[in-house]
Amino acid sequence: MVLLSICLSAAACVSPPRPPAAALALERNPKAVVEGRVVDVFGKPVAGLRVVAIPRGEIPWSAPGETGPDGRFRLELFAPGDYSFALSRDGRTVLTVDRRDPSRLRVQVDPGGHADGVELLFLEEEWQHDLEPGNNL
């Protein structure tokens, strides 16, 4: 019984913090939809990438999407909100200083809104550079 009590107490200590009131209010709003595609520097679609919307401010994180064979993705996001994006492949995410990086794009959404035609650029050469010896953090 003592062991069970210790385990329950430990579990209570590692529970996530309660979201701020503003974040809880956003969860009650209709979600916004953001649709678009990911292309490489030659304009060709890139399939199989995970697309994550990065919320700016006290906004809960939304589920990521994945690009299909045509590079298209669809995200349902908490709104209103301001978002940028990150791309992941094989469990790796690379953010670059390149002004074309998806993390620099900003998209604002309203509750129940729909943003279509968002184009994200996959900077594959930066990902390759990140894999070179000596470039690991």
Protein backbone atom coordinates (compact mmCIF):
# COMPACT_ATOMS: atom_id res chain seq x y z
CA MET A 1 0.00 0.00 0.00
CA VAL A 2 2.87 2.36 0.80
CA LEU A 3 4.45 1.61 -2.58
CA LEU A 4 1.15 2.33 -4.36
CA SER A 5 0.87 5.64 -2.50
CA ILE A 6 4.43 6.60 -3.48
CA CYS A 7 3.77 5.71 -7.13
CA LEU A 8 0.55 7.74 -7.21
CA SER A 9 2.29 10.71 -5.58
CA ALA A 10 5.13 10.52 -8.11
CA ALA A 11 2.67 10.38 -11.00
CA ALA A 12 0.89 13.46 -9.68
CA CYS A 13 4.21 15.33 -9.64
CA VAL A 14 4.89 14.70 -13.33
CA SER A 15 1.49 15.63 -14.69
CA PRO A 16 1.51 18.49 -17.20
CA PRO A 17 0.70 21.99 -15.94
CA ARG A 18 -2.84 23.24 -16.37
CA PRO A 19 -3.15 25.23 -19.61
CA PRO A 20 -3.65 29.00 -19.22
CA ALA A 21 -7.25 30.24 -19.28
CA ALA A 22 -6.71 31.78 -22.73
CA ALA A 23 -5.64 28.40 -24.14
CA LEU A 24 -8.68 26.68 -22.61
CA ALA A 25 -10.96 29.27 -24.23
CA LEU A 26 -9.40 28.58 -27.65
CA GLU A 27 -10.14 24.88 -27.30
CA ARG A 28 -13.87 25.71 -27.29
CA ASN A 29 -13.69 27.64 -30.57
CA PRO A 30 -14.24 26.01 -33.96
CA LYS A 31 -10.87 25.00 -35.39
CA ALA A 32 -9.41 26.66 -38.46
CA VAL A 33 -8.19 24.63 -41.42
CA VAL A 34 -4.86 25.32 -43.12
CA GLU A 35 -4.18 23.51 -46.38
CA GLY A 36 -1.26 23.71 -48.71
CA ARG A 37 1.65 21.84 -50.13
CA VAL A 38 5.35 21.34 -49.56
CA VAL A 39 7.67 21.75 -52.52
CA ASP A 40 11.42 21.61 -53.07
CA VAL A 41 13.48 24.48 -54.51
CA PHE A 42 12.57 23.30 -58.03
CA GLY A 43 8.83 23.44 -57.30
CA LYS A 44 8.38 19.67 -57.16
CA PRO A 45 6.08 18.26 -54.45
CA VAL A 46 7.70 16.54 -51.47
CA ALA A 47 5.85 13.54 -50.03
CA GLY A 48 6.19 11.91 -46.63
CA LEU A 49 7.06 14.97 -44.55
CA ARG A 50 5.47 15.74 -41.23
CA VAL A 51 4.08 19.29 -41.10
CA VAL A 52 3.83 20.90 -37.66
CA ALA A 53 2.13 24.22 -36.98
CA ILE A 54 4.11 26.20 -34.41
CA PRO A 55 1.74 28.34 -32.35
CA ARG A 56 2.81 31.88 -31.46
CA GLY A 57 1.67 32.89 -27.99
CA GLU A 58 -0.53 31.01 -25.54
CA ILE A 59 -2.10 28.68 -28.08
CA PRO A 60 -2.33 24.90 -27.60
CA TRP A 61 -0.35 22.77 -30.05
CA SER A 62 -2.44 21.03 -32.71
CA ALA A 63 -1.96 17.61 -34.28
CA PRO A 64 0.58 17.55 -37.12
CA GLY A 65 -0.21 16.56 -40.69
CA GLU A 66 1.70 14.65 -43.33
CA THR A 67 2.32 15.42 -46.96
CA GLY A 68 0.78 13.08 -49.51
CA PRO A 69 2.25 12.03 -52.88
CA ASP A 70 1.34 15.45 -54.29
CA GLY A 71 3.02 17.27 -51.36
CA ARG A 72 -0.35 18.43 -50.02
CA PHE A 73 -1.12 18.67 -46.30
CA ARG A 74 -4.09 19.63 -44.13
CA LEU A 75 -4.00 20.91 -40.54
CA GLU A 76 -6.80 21.70 -38.10
CA LEU A 77 -5.59 24.46 -35.77
CA PHE A 78 -6.82 26.22 -32.66
CA ALA A 79 -8.10 29.69 -33.52
CA PRO A 80 -7.77 32.56 -33.45
CA GLY A 81 -4.06 32.20 -33.71
CA ASP A 82 -0.80 33.03 -35.41
CA TYR A 83 1.33 30.12 -36.65
CA SER A 84 4.58 29.32 -38.38
CA PHE A 85 5.62 25.83 -39.50
CA ALA A 86 8.26 23.14 -39.20
CA LEU A 87 8.93 20.13 -41.41
CA SER A 88 10.15 16.77 -40.11
CA ARG A 89 11.49 13.68 -41.84
CA ASP A 90 12.59 10.44 -40.18
CA GLY A 91 12.18 12.01 -36.74
CA ARG A 92 14.42 15.00 -37.58
CA THR A 93 13.40 18.64 -37.80
CA VAL A 94 15.73 21.24 -39.25
CA LEU A 95 15.08 24.97 -38.86
CA THR A 96 17.31 27.24 -40.88
CA VAL A 97 18.19 30.93 -41.01
CA ASP A 98 17.08 31.01 -44.65
CA ARG A 99 14.31 33.59 -45.03
CA ARG A 100 12.37 30.99 -47.09
CA ASP A 101 12.30 28.50 -44.19
CA PRO A 102 8.74 27.47 -43.15
CA SER A 103 9.50 28.60 -39.59
CA ARG A 104 9.64 32.18 -40.89
CA LEU A 105 6.24 32.07 -42.62
CA ARG A 106 3.38 33.47 -40.54
CA VAL A 107 -0.26 32.52 -41.07
CA GLN A 108 -3.09 33.98 -39.00
CA VAL A 109 -6.32 32.05 -38.64
CA ASP A 110 -9.78 32.83 -37.29
CA PRO A 111 -12.20 30.37 -35.65
CA GLY A 112 -13.84 28.28 -38.37
CA GLY A 113 -11.59 29.93 -40.97
CA HIS A 114 -9.88 28.28 -43.91
CA ALA A 115 -6.47 29.17 -45.33
CA ASP A 116 -5.71 27.35 -48.57
CA GLY A 117 -2.74 27.61 -50.88
CA VAL A 118 -0.08 27.78 -48.15
CA GLU A 119 3.20 26.76 -49.79
CA LEU A 120 6.08 25.56 -47.64
CA LEU A 121 9.57 25.17 -49.03
CA PHE A 122 11.58 22.07 -48.14
CA LEU A 123 15.21 23.22 -48.12
CA GLU A 124 16.78 19.80 -48.64
CA GLU A 125 20.28 21.20 -49.10
CA GLU A 126 20.13 22.57 -45.55
CA TRP A 127 19.06 19.15 -44.26
CA GLN A 128 22.01 17.54 -46.05
CA HIS A 129 24.38 20.16 -44.59
CA ASP A 130 23.03 19.35 -41.13
CA LEU A 131 24.05 15.69 -41.61
CA GLU A 132 27.69 16.47 -42.46
CA PRO A 133 30.27 15.52 -39.79
CA GLY A 134 30.95 18.34 -37.37
CA ASN A 135 27.54 19.97 -37.85
CA ASN A 136 25.78 18.14 -35.02
CA LEU A 137 24.83 20.02 -31.89
